[in-house]
Amino acid sequence: MPWGRSGSAALLLLTGKAIGRAKARDPSPTEMSVEPWASPQDQTAADPRQRTRTQPSQDQEQHLDKLCLDSFWSEVETIRQGCGDTDLDCTRRDSRQSEEGEQEEQWLADAGLSTLISEDSEDVDNAVLLSTLTRTQAEAVQRRLDSYTLSRRKKNKPPPRDVRDIFDSPITQTVLPESQNSEDLAQNSMASVAKSPLTAVTPEHKRSALKEEFFITDVAYCEQAVIFLKQAKLPQNNSQRRKDDGTLPWVICPKCRLGVTRIQDLSHTDMKKVRQLALIDMTALCDLLELEVKRHKTVKRKIPESTLFGVPLATLLENDQKIRPNTTTPLFLYELLLFLEKKGVDSEGILRVPGSQSRIKLLQQNMESNFYSGQISWDEVSPNDAAALLKKLIRELPAPLLTAEYLNTFSAVRDITDLKQKLHMLNLLILLLPEPNRNTLKALLEFLSKVVSREKKNRMNLWAVATIMAPNLFLHKAVPSRLTDGAEKGQAEKAADVMRLLIRYQDLLWTIPNFLMSQVRKLNENSNRRYQFYDRRLKYLLRKIHTDNREKPEKSNNEHCRTVKIQVGDLVSSTMEFQLSFNSRTSDLLAQFHRQFLRSPENGKGKMRRNGSVTFPDCALYEVGGNIGEHCLDPDTHLLDLYNNNPGGEWVIKMKPNAGRGL
């Protein structure tokens, strides 16, 4: 086999020569500035001149390692004792792998392709989504269809349709030339490929200066894996491989001229499409890396009579939104993290040092009874007790925070040896999480990152925090896990490795890769001209659709004047003219809006604070309509490129969802 766990894909590097060539050409949507994804601690660690702290002695290092490992298995034992053996067996009977054929049927439904196995569906329903896929993504869909068809035959049920009718239709044939070029596109976007060393996990305080890695998002992750696996020529003798100390590099993401799109920047409708496409790409990537991941489904169980602990996350959030409509995470979790940020991040051994079991039990009862009545005093609460309560809240969720469907896939990331492919997989998995789970996980990771940033005071580095928190996220009573199988130290390190990636690269993982944004735009374009897909006899017309210059106007570098709608406060019916040039950015347009409407003597809309200063509403520029639903633009978006990419979209200045009200 040309791929597998024993022969992981090689590291993707951009050479100085390739970067030099990029600068010599006219700037393209993939050749602008670069975005570093590393914390200030990373940058300090990367510069030897700034590393003034002396390294701990060998005895101290060994002691810290032992504490981390002991804490890992202490957390595992706590989870086992908390659920009990009888309850654990019962719950795991409820959580089962789907029967043969159910996995594929559910997968097709989640990917938005359930019409492929529907007897009364039309090809047009399938063509709109299939027309956006790359070749490797389409092959992953084909494998699921083949598996579903085989399971139907085993059950002596005739398959609803011949899958070849779908992939051989004139509609999908028109897309193949573009899909065939996906590999060439990937090669052109990647300058060189180097050997991938075995990844070993080493505690932070043992690591050397940081390396740099370039993270490409313009090409589908599965297509990048195809290139990696074809060009990787790893030595057969593992002893010849250069041992890596596991240092997390400083990841640099080349910034597209259309800017960075974060998860919260898209409308719910477009995010649904992102999730469908992310599932297809993730499945194709798993196939290439030979990661056999079985999804589990948890049967609904009786919810305990509790207001906080053991309550489904969606239910908690639904109840809290009646109190605070704009909240995105449970209020109790928010207050708990707020207390720990104020009183706990500087506490030595926070998260590792256990609290008093009797105090924790009383604290939980008090929170259950009085939290929503507002009769809670945090003054007497111990930070260690609060940290224990935080871990208890997470592990007592009736379903894993990482969901029963994807928990095993998150765990399988530890078996991928190439760092960038780990990040690819985690990025796609984050996109697949339901919104309540994703927002709650982000709030938790942001807190853990703050704990790591105070390492000098609390003696909790990234390795320690990741090791202790890993069991609480990756081990759940509802889903069988391989977390505790095999050698203890090896399993602890692998689980902690995935956890530390989530903590360190969370900002990168919460972005939508450029290739998915392009596919969503193409999907919306095809949906808008859906009627043109109906007549299968008009092959020549379908081919013409993909090449018609009237559908895709030539990109223009000439200056344009755009009318921008304003929907801020009492300016809802106002408009503003903005002159586009090659270097015009979103930040320039917003600056003109502030000068013209908010800060001018005639139209001043600032809000006076008590200290005499003036605050202005937090506004953003949105792209609405055309080939996108609604998209909050990055301040560095180049507007002429945006206009060429979506000439049918409107530009609207609005207040951000969480911005303060009152103009």
Foldseek 3Di string as FASTA:
>chain_A
DLAALVFFFFAFAADPVNLVVQVVDDHAQQNDAKDWFFDPVQVQQQDPVNPPDDFDDPVVQVVLLVLLLVLLVVLVVVLDVVCDPVNLVVLQVLKDFDDQLPQLCVLCVLLQNNLLQDLPDDLLSVLLQLLLDAPLLVVLNVVSVVSNCVVCVVVVHHGSDDSCCNCVFLSNVLSHVVNVCLLVVLPSVTPDGDEFAFADEDDPSPDHRAAEGEAEQQHQLLSNSVVRSVPHDDDPDNVPGDYDHNHDHTYMYRAGLQGFFFPVFADPVLLSNLLSVLSSSLSSNCVRHVPDDTFIDGDDDDQDPFQAFQEAFVVQVVVVCVVVVPDLGRPVLVVLLVVCLVPNLLAACALSDADDPVVLVVVRVCCRVCVVVPPDDCPPPDSNSSSVVNLNRQQRHSAALLGRGCLAVLLCLLSRRHPSSSLSNLLSSLSNGPRSSNVHLVSVLVSLLSSQVNCVRHVQHLLSSLLNCLCSRNPHSNHDDCLCDDDSVVSSSSSSSSSSCCNGRVVVSRTRRSSSVVSLLSSLLCVVVSVQPRDSVPSVSSSCVVVPCVSQPDQDQDKDKAKEQECEDPSRGPIDIDIAHQQDFQLNVVVVCCPPADPDPVRNFWDADPVGDTDDAAKFKWWDDASGHIGTGDRSNRVSVVCSVGVPTHIYIYGDPPIDDDD
